[in-house]
């Protein structure tokens, strides 16, 4: 079982975020702290980093909105 990648809550009123772009390909090796994806919320785009090192497995599609807390991938 890997480390889950969830949509973070970046503000008090944030209820969902849009994964605008994955910065790392599915199946690529990442290190903790590497930029993973861009998340848009309330028209602000944030770069979200890897919580752990390993192989990225994406389960979310870029361009889609997801509720806060939704698992959008794992690092194995």
PDB file of N, CA and C in Angstrom:
ATOM      1  N   UNK A   1       0.844  -1.179   0.000  1.00  0.00           N
ATOM      2  CA  UNK A   1       0.000   0.000   0.000  1.00  0.00           C
ATOM      3  C   UNK A   1       0.888   1.241   0.000  1.00  0.00           C
ATOM      4  N   UNK A   2       0.557   2.193  -0.844  1.00  0.00           N
ATOM      5  CA  UNK A   2       1.375   3.380  -0.978  1.00  0.00           C
ATOM      6  C   UNK A   2       0.875   4.548  -0.147  1.00  0.00           C
ATOM      7  N   UNK A   3       1.487   5.681  -0.368  1.00  0.00           N
ATOM      8  CA  UNK A   3       1.088   6.928   0.283  1.00  0.00           C
ATOM      9  C   UNK A   3       0.021   7.595  -0.572  1.00  0.00           C
ATOM     10  N   UNK A   4      -1.153   7.875  -0.009  1.00  0.00           N
ATOM     11  CA  UNK A   4      -2.214   8.504  -0.805  1.00  0.00           C
ATOM     12  C   UNK A   4      -1.894   9.962  -1.119  1.00  0.00           C
ATOM     13  N   UNK A   5      -2.371  10.399  -2.277  1.00  0.00           N
ATOM     14  CA  UNK A   5      -2.298  11.803  -2.677  1.00  0.00           C
ATOM     15  C   UNK A   5      -3.738  12.298  -2.692  1.00  0.00           C
ATOM     16  N   UNK A   6      -4.056  13.219  -1.795  1.00  0.00           N
ATOM     17  CA  UNK A   6      -5.423  13.725  -1.661  1.00  0.00           C
ATOM     18  C   UNK A   6      -5.486  15.204  -2.016  1.00  0.00           C
ATOM     19  N   UNK A   7      -6.679  15.648  -2.423  1.00  0.00           N
ATOM     20  CA  UNK A   7      -6.891  17.072  -2.671  1.00  0.00           C
ATOM     21  C   UNK A   7      -6.817  17.786  -1.314  1.00  0.00           C
ATOM     22  N   UNK A   8      -5.853  18.701  -1.159  1.00  0.00           N
ATOM     23  CA  UNK A   8      -5.714  19.397   0.130  1.00  0.00           C
ATOM     24  C   UNK A   8      -6.708  20.548   0.268  1.00  0.00           C
ATOM     25  N   UNK A   9      -7.001  20.900   1.488  1.00  0.00           N
ATOM     26  CA  UNK A   9      -7.834  22.079   1.769  1.00  0.00           C
ATOM     27  C   UNK A   9      -6.885  23.251   1.950  1.00  0.00           C
ATOM     28  N   UNK A  10      -6.887  24.172   0.983  1.00  0.00           N
ATOM     29  CA  UNK A  10      -5.923  25.272   0.973  1.00  0.00           C
ATOM     30  C   UNK A  10      -6.481  26.569   1.549  1.00  0.00           C
ATOM     31  N   UNK A  11      -7.761  26.573   1.874  1.00  0.00           N
ATOM     32  CA  UNK A  11      -8.364  27.770   2.452  1.00  0.00           C
ATOM     33  C   UNK A  11      -9.574  27.396   3.279  1.00  0.00           C
ATOM     34  N   UNK A  12     -10.018  28.307   4.127  1.00  0.00           N
ATOM     35  CA  UNK A  12     -11.136  28.029   5.033  1.00  0.00           C
ATOM     36  C   UNK A  12     -12.395  27.612   4.291  1.00  0.00           C
ATOM     37  N   UNK A  13     -12.656  28.233   3.148  1.00  0.00           N
ATOM     38  CA  UNK A  13     -13.912  27.981   2.438  1.00  0.00           C
ATOM     39  C   UNK A  13     -13.766  27.009   1.268  1.00  0.00           C
ATOM     40  N   UNK A  14     -12.588  26.502   1.059  1.00  0.00           N
ATOM     41  CA  UNK A  14     -12.365  25.604  -0.084  1.00  0.00           C
ATOM     42  C   UNK A  14     -13.126  24.290   0.100  1.00  0.00           C
ATOM     43  N   UNK A  15     -13.928  23.941  -0.902  1.00  0.00           N
ATOM     44  CA  UNK A  15     -14.680  22.687  -0.874  1.00  0.00           C
ATOM     45  C   UNK A  15     -14.251  21.724  -1.968  1.00  0.00           C
ATOM     46  N   UNK A  16     -13.669  22.267  -3.052  1.00  0.00           N
ATOM     47  CA  UNK A  16     -13.174  21.426  -4.137  1.00  0.00           C
ATOM     48  C   UNK A  16     -12.036  22.130  -4.846  1.00  0.00           C
ATOM     49  N   UNK A  17     -11.284  21.350  -5.616  1.00  0.00           N
ATOM     50  CA  UNK A  17     -10.182  21.899  -6.400  1.00  0.00           C
ATOM     51  C   UNK A  17     -10.103  21.193  -7.728  1.00  0.00           C
ATOM     52  N   UNK A  18      -9.556  21.871  -8.719  1.00  0.00           N
ATOM     53  CA  UNK A  18      -9.405  21.305 -10.054  1.00  0.00           C
ATOM     54  C   UNK A  18      -7.936  20.978 -10.303  1.00  0.00           C
ATOM     55  N   UNK A  19      -7.678  19.728 -10.663  1.00  0.00           N
ATOM     56  CA  UNK A  19      -6.327  19.326 -11.059  1.00  0.00           C
ATOM     57  C   UNK A  19      -6.140  19.865 -12.477  1.00  0.00           C
ATOM     58  N   UNK A  20      -5.425  20.977 -12.607  1.00  0.00           N
ATOM     59  CA  UNK A  20      -5.289  21.593 -13.925  1.00  0.00           C
ATOM     60  C   UNK A  20      -4.235  20.907 -14.784  1.00  0.00           C
ATOM     61  N   UNK A  21      -3.198  20.356 -14.133  1.00  0.00           N
ATOM     62  CA  UNK A  21      -2.133  19.692 -14.898  1.00  0.00           C
ATOM     63  C   UNK A  21      -1.298  18.801 -13.985  1.00  0.00           C
ATOM     64  N   UNK A  22      -1.039  17.581 -14.432  1.00  0.00           N
ATOM     65  CA  UNK A  22      -0.058  16.728 -13.754  1.00  0.00           C
ATOM     66  C   UNK A  22       1.317  17.149 -14.256  1.00  0.00           C
ATOM     67  N   UNK A  23       2.253  17.386 -13.362  1.00  0.00           N
ATOM     68  CA  UNK A  23       3.604  17.807 -13.733  1.00  0.00           C
ATOM     69  C   UNK A  23       4.553  16.624 -13.880  1.00  0.00           C
ATOM     70  N   UNK A  24       4.088  15.436 -13.461  1.00  0.00           N
ATOM     71  CA  UNK A  24       4.876  14.204 -13.521  1.00  0.00           C
ATOM     72  C   UNK A  24       4.009  13.148 -14.193  1.00  0.00           C
ATOM     73  N   UNK A  25       4.592  12.363 -15.083  1.00  0.00           N
ATOM     74  CA  UNK A  25       3.851  11.317 -15.782  1.00  0.00           C
ATOM     75  C   UNK A  25       3.503  10.167 -14.849  1.00  0.00           C
ATOM     76  N   UNK A  26       2.382   9.518 -15.146  1.00  0.00           N
ATOM     77  CA  UNK A  26       1.974   8.324 -14.410  1.00  0.00           C
ATOM     78  C   UNK A  26       3.067   7.263 -14.555  1.00  0.00           C
ATOM     79  N   UNK A  27       3.482   6.668 -13.446  1.00  0.00           N
ATOM     80  CA  UNK A  27       4.519   5.643 -13.465  1.00  0.00           C
ATOM     81  C   UNK A  27       5.926   6.168 -13.284  1.00  0.00           C
ATOM     82  N   UNK A  28       6.068   7.492 -13.215  1.00  0.00           N
ATOM     83  CA  UNK A  28       7.394   8.093 -13.024  1.00  0.00           C
ATOM     84  C   UNK A  28       7.802   8.034 -11.552  1.00  0.00           C
ATOM     85  N   UNK A  29       9.103   8.034 -11.306  1.00  0.00           N
ATOM     86  CA  UNK A  29       9.636   8.050  -9.946  1.00  0.00           C
ATOM     87  C   UNK A  29       9.759   9.495  -9.486  1.00  0.00           C
ATOM     88  N   UNK A  30       9.282   9.762  -8.260  1.00  0.00           N
ATOM     89  CA  UNK A  30       9.353  11.102  -7.685  1.00  0.00           C
ATOM     90  C   UNK A  30      10.038  11.038  -6.325  1.00  0.00           C
ATOM     91  N   UNK A  31      10.549  12.168  -5.899  1.00  0.00           N
ATOM     92  CA  UNK A  31      11.139  12.299  -4.550  1.00  0.00           C
ATOM     93  C   UNK A  31      10.222  13.200  -3.728  1.00  0.00           C
ATOM     94  N   UNK A  32      10.191  12.980  -2.437  1.00  0.00           N
ATOM     95  CA  UNK A  32       9.391  13.824  -1.545  1.00  0.00           C
ATOM     96  C   UNK A  32       9.760  15.283  -1.778  1.00  0.00           C
ATOM     97  N   UNK A  33       8.749  16.123  -1.962  1.00  0.00           N
ATOM     98  CA  UNK A  33       8.975  17.541  -2.195  1.00  0.00           C
ATOM     99  C   UNK A  33       9.002  17.944  -3.655  1.00  0.00           C
ATOM    100  N   UNK A  34       9.065  16.960  -4.572  1.00  0.00           N
ATOM    101  CA  UNK A  34       9.015  17.277  -6.002  1.00  0.00           C
ATOM    102  C   UNK A  34       7.622  17.800  -6.359  1.00  0.00           C
ATOM    103  N   UNK A  35       7.523  18.766  -7.289  1.00  0.00           N
ATOM    104  CA  UNK A  35       6.218  19.227  -7.752  1.00  0.00           C
ATOM    105  C   UNK A  35       5.479  18.086  -8.452  1.00  0.00           C
ATOM    106  N   UNK A  36       4.198  17.858  -8.075  1.00  0.00           N
ATOM    107  CA  UNK A  36       3.400  16.769  -8.660  1.00  0.00           C
ATOM    108  C   UNK A  36       2.341  17.250  -9.635  1.00  0.00           C
ATOM    109  N   UNK A  37       1.560  18.252  -9.188  1.00  0.00           N
ATOM    110  CA  UNK A  37       0.455  18.719 -10.024  1.00  0.00           C
ATOM    111  C   UNK A  37       0.087  20.151  -9.662  1.00  0.00           C
ATOM    112  N   UNK A  38      -0.685  20.777 -10.559  1.00  0.00           N
ATOM    113  CA  UNK A  38      -1.201  22.116 -10.307  1.00  0.00           C
ATOM    114  C   UNK A  38      -2.656  21.986  -9.888  1.00  0.00           C
ATOM    115  N   UNK A  39      -3.024  22.667  -8.810  1.00  0.00           N
ATOM    116  CA  UNK A  39      -4.369  22.626  -8.260  1.00  0.00           C
ATOM    117  C   UNK A  39      -4.952  24.029  -8.272  1.00  0.00           C
ATOM    118  N   UNK A  40      -6.109  24.181  -8.903  1.00  0.00           N
ATOM    119  CA  UNK A  40      -6.778  25.480  -8.948  1.00  0.00           C
ATOM    120  C   UNK A  40      -7.949  25.479  -7.976  1.00  0.00           C
ATOM    121  N   UNK A  41      -7.999  26.523  -7.162  1.00  0.00           N
ATOM    122  CA  UNK A  41      -9.123  26.715  -6.236  1.00  0.00           C
ATOM    123  C   UNK A  41      -9.392  28.206  -6.142  1.00  0.00           C
ATOM    124  N   UNK A  42     -10.642  28.588  -6.242  1.00  0.00           N
ATOM    125  CA  UNK A  42     -11.008  30.011  -6.177  1.00  0.00           C
ATOM    126  C   UNK A  42     -10.143  30.864  -7.113  1.00  0.00           C
ATOM    127  N   UNK A  43      -9.867  30.326  -8.281  1.00  0.00           N
ATOM    128  CA  UNK A  43      -9.103  31.019  -9.339  1.00  0.00           C
ATOM    129  C   UNK A  43      -7.641  31.269  -8.990  1.00  0.00           C
ATOM    130  N   UNK A  44      -7.146  30.589  -7.969  1.00  0.00           N
ATOM    131  CA  UNK A  44      -5.730  30.641  -7.609  1.00  0.00           C
ATOM    132  C   UNK A  44      -5.142  29.274  -7.901  1.00  0.00           C
ATOM    133  N   UNK A  45      -3.997  29.244  -8.572  1.00  0.00           N
ATOM    134  CA  UNK A  45      -3.369  27.966  -8.905  1.00  0.00           C
ATOM    135  C   UNK A  45      -2.171  27.741  -7.988  1.00  0.00           C
ATOM    136  N   UNK A  46      -2.112  26.548  -7.407  1.00  0.00           N
ATOM    137  CA  UNK A  46      -1.033  26.193  -6.485  1.00  0.00           C
ATOM    138  C   UNK A  46      -0.312  24.962  -6.994  1.00  0.00           C
ATOM    139  N   UNK A  47       0.996  24.932  -6.791  1.00  0.00           N
ATOM    140  CA  UNK A  47       1.797  23.760  -7.128  1.00  0.00           C
ATOM    141  C   UNK A  47       1.830  22.863  -5.891  1.00  0.00           C
ATOM    142  N   UNK A  48       1.376  21.615  -6.058  1.00  0.00           N
ATOM    143  CA  UNK A  48       1.324  20.670  -4.943  1.00  0.00           C
ATOM    144  C   UNK A  48       2.491  19.694  -5.079  1.00  0.00           C
ATOM    145  N   UNK A  49       3.183  19.455  -3.978  1.00  0.00           N
ATOM    146  CA  UNK A  49       4.385  18.620  -4.003  1.00  0.00           C
ATOM    147  C   UNK A  49       4.114  17.208  -3.496  1.00  0.00           C
ATOM    148  N   UNK A  50       5.037  16.320  -3.808  1.00  0.00           N
ATOM    149  CA  UNK A  50       4.935  14.913  -3.418  1.00  0.00           C
ATOM    150  C   UNK A  50       5.119  14.767  -1.907  1.00  0.00           C
ATOM    151  N   UNK A  51       4.214  13.999  -1.248  1.00  0.00           N
ATOM    152  CA  UNK A  51       4.348  13.791   0.188  1.00  0.00           C
ATOM    153  C   UNK A  51       5.362  12.706   0.550  1.00  0.00           C
ATOM    154  N   UNK A  52       5.817  11.945  -0.447  1.00  0.00           N
ATOM    155  CA  UNK A  52       6.749  10.840  -0.202  1.00  0.00           C
ATOM    156  C   UNK A  52       7.518  10.549  -1.485  1.00  0.00           C
ATOM    157  N   UNK A  53       8.502   9.668  -1.390  1.00  0.00           N
ATOM    158  CA  UNK A  53       9.273   9.245  -2.559  1.00  0.00           C
ATOM    159  C   UNK A  53       8.759   7.895  -3.044  1.00  0.00           C
ATOM    160  N   UNK A  54       8.812   7.684  -4.369  1.00  0.00           N
ATOM    161  CA  UNK A  54       8.384   6.418  -4.944  1.00  0.00           C
ATOM    162  C   UNK A  54       7.869   6.606  -6.353  1.00  0.00           C
ATOM    163  N   UNK A  55       7.012   5.678  -6.778  1.00  0.00           N
ATOM    164  CA  UNK A  55       6.456   5.699  -8.134  1.00  0.00           C
ATOM    165  C   UNK A  55       5.046   6.264  -8.079  1.00  0.00           C
ATOM    166  N   UNK A  56       4.773   7.272  -8.921  1.00  0.00           N
ATOM    167  CA  UNK A  56       3.472   7.939  -8.961  1.00  0.00           C
ATOM    168  C   UNK A  56       2.464   7.102  -9.731  1.00  0.00           C
ATOM    169  N   UNK A  57       1.294   6.916  -9.134  1.00  0.00           N
ATOM    170  CA  UNK A  57       0.156   6.260  -9.792  1.00  0.00           C
ATOM    171  C   UNK A  57      -1.004   7.242  -9.749  1.00  0.00           C
ATOM    172  N   UNK A  58      -1.359   7.803 -10.911  1.00  0.00           N
ATOM    173  CA  UNK A  58      -2.449   8.773 -11.006  1.00  0.00           C
ATOM    174  C   UNK A  58      -3.789   8.057 -11.124  1.00  0.00           C
ATOM    175  N   UNK A  59      -4.799   8.560 -10.411  1.00  0.00           N
ATOM    176  CA  UNK A  59      -6.155   8.038 -10.557  1.00  0.00           C
ATOM    177  C   UNK A  59      -7.140   9.141 -10.920  1.00  0.00           C
ATOM    178  N   UNK A  60      -6.664  10.364 -11.028  1.00  0.00           N
ATOM    179  CA  UNK A  60      -7.508  11.506 -11.381  1.00  0.00           C
ATOM    180  C   UNK A  60      -7.097  12.040 -12.753  1.00  0.00           C
ATOM    181  N   UNK A  61      -8.047  12.676 -13.401  1.00  0.00           N
ATOM    182  CA  UNK A  61      -7.836  13.239 -14.725  1.00  0.00           C
ATOM    183  C   UNK A  61      -7.619  14.746 -14.625  1.00  0.00           C
ATOM    184  N   UNK A  62      -6.617  15.251 -15.321  1.00  0.00           N
ATOM    185  CA  UNK A  62      -6.384  16.696 -15.367  1.00  0.00           C
ATOM    186  C   UNK A  62      -7.592  17.378 -15.998  1.00  0.00           C
ATOM    187  N   UNK A  63      -7.962  18.525 -15.440  1.00  0.00           N
ATOM    188  CA  UNK A  63      -9.099  19.274 -15.936  1.00  0.00           C
ATOM    189  C   UNK A  63     -10.386  19.001 -15.172  1.00  0.00           C
ATOM    190  N   UNK A  64     -10.367  18.035 -14.277  1.00  0.00           N
ATOM    191  CA  UNK A  64     -11.550  17.678 -13.487  1.00  0.00           C
ATOM    192  C   UNK A  64     -11.472  18.282 -12.089  1.00  0.00           C
ATOM    193  N   UNK A  65     -12.653  18.614 -11.531  1.00  0.00           N
ATOM    194  CA  UNK A  65     -12.749  19.129 -10.171  1.00  0.00           C
ATOM    195  C   UNK A  65     -13.065  17.974  -9.224  1.00  0.00           C
ATOM    196  N   UNK A  66     -12.464  18.017  -8.037  1.00  0.00           N
ATOM    197  CA  UNK A  66     -12.653  16.973  -7.027  1.00  0.00           C
ATOM    198  C   UNK A  66     -12.869  17.613  -5.663  1.00  0.00           C
ATOM    199  N   UNK A  67     -13.731  17.014  -4.829  1.00  0.00           N
ATOM    200  CA  UNK A  67     -13.929  17.539  -3.466  1.00  0.00           C
ATOM    201  C   UNK A  67     -12.642  17.411  -2.642  1.00  0.00           C
ATOM    202  N   UNK A  68     -12.471  18.316  -1.684  1.00  0.00           N
ATOM    203  CA  UNK A  68     -11.359  18.265  -0.752  1.00  0.00           C
ATOM    204  C   UNK A  68     -11.331  16.877  -0.098  1.00  0.00           C
ATOM    205  N   UNK A  69     -10.138  16.294  -0.012  1.00  0.00           N
ATOM    206  CA  UNK A  69      -9.976  14.999   0.616  1.00  0.00           C
ATOM    207  C   UNK A  69     -10.014  13.825  -0.345  1.00  0.00           C
ATOM    208  N   UNK A  70     -10.456  14.050  -1.583  1.00  0.00           N
ATOM    209  CA  UNK A  70     -10.520  12.965  -2.568  1.00  0.00           C
ATOM    210  C   UNK A  70      -9.117  12.454  -2.890  1.00  0.00           C
ATOM    211  N   UNK A  71      -8.968  11.145  -2.905  1.00  0.00           N
ATOM    212  CA  UNK A  71      -7.686  10.558  -3.293  1.00  0.00           C
ATOM    213  C   UNK A  71      -7.576  10.600  -4.819  1.00  0.00           C
ATOM    214  N   UNK A  72      -6.510  11.242  -5.302  1.00  0.00           N
ATOM    215  CA  UNK A  72      -6.330  11.384  -6.753  1.00  0.00           C
ATOM    216  C   UNK A  72      -5.134  10.600  -7.270  1.00  0.00           C
ATOM    217  N   UNK A  73      -4.489   9.886  -6.383  1.00  0.00           N
ATOM    218  CA  UNK A  73      -3.344   9.063  -6.784  1.00  0.00           C
ATOM    219  C   UNK A  73      -2.636   8.510  -5.564  1.00  0.00           C
ATOM    220  N   UNK A  74      -1.575   7.749  -5.827  1.00  0.00           N
ATOM    221  CA  UNK A  74      -0.743   7.208  -4.752  1.00  0.00           C
ATOM    222  C   UNK A  74       0.723   7.265  -5.173  1.00  0.00           C
ATOM    223  N   UNK A  75       1.568   7.191  -4.186  1.00  0.00           N
ATOM    224  CA  UNK A  75       3.006   7.016  -4.435  1.00  0.00           C
ATOM    225  C   UNK A  75       3.383   5.692  -3.798  1.00  0.00           C
ATOM    226  N   UNK A  76       3.829   4.773  -4.632  1.00  0.00           N
ATOM    227  CA  UNK A  76       4.135   3.418  -4.173  1.00  0.00           C
ATOM    228  C   UNK A  76       5.619   3.223  -3.974  1.00  0.00           C
TER     229      UNK A  76
END
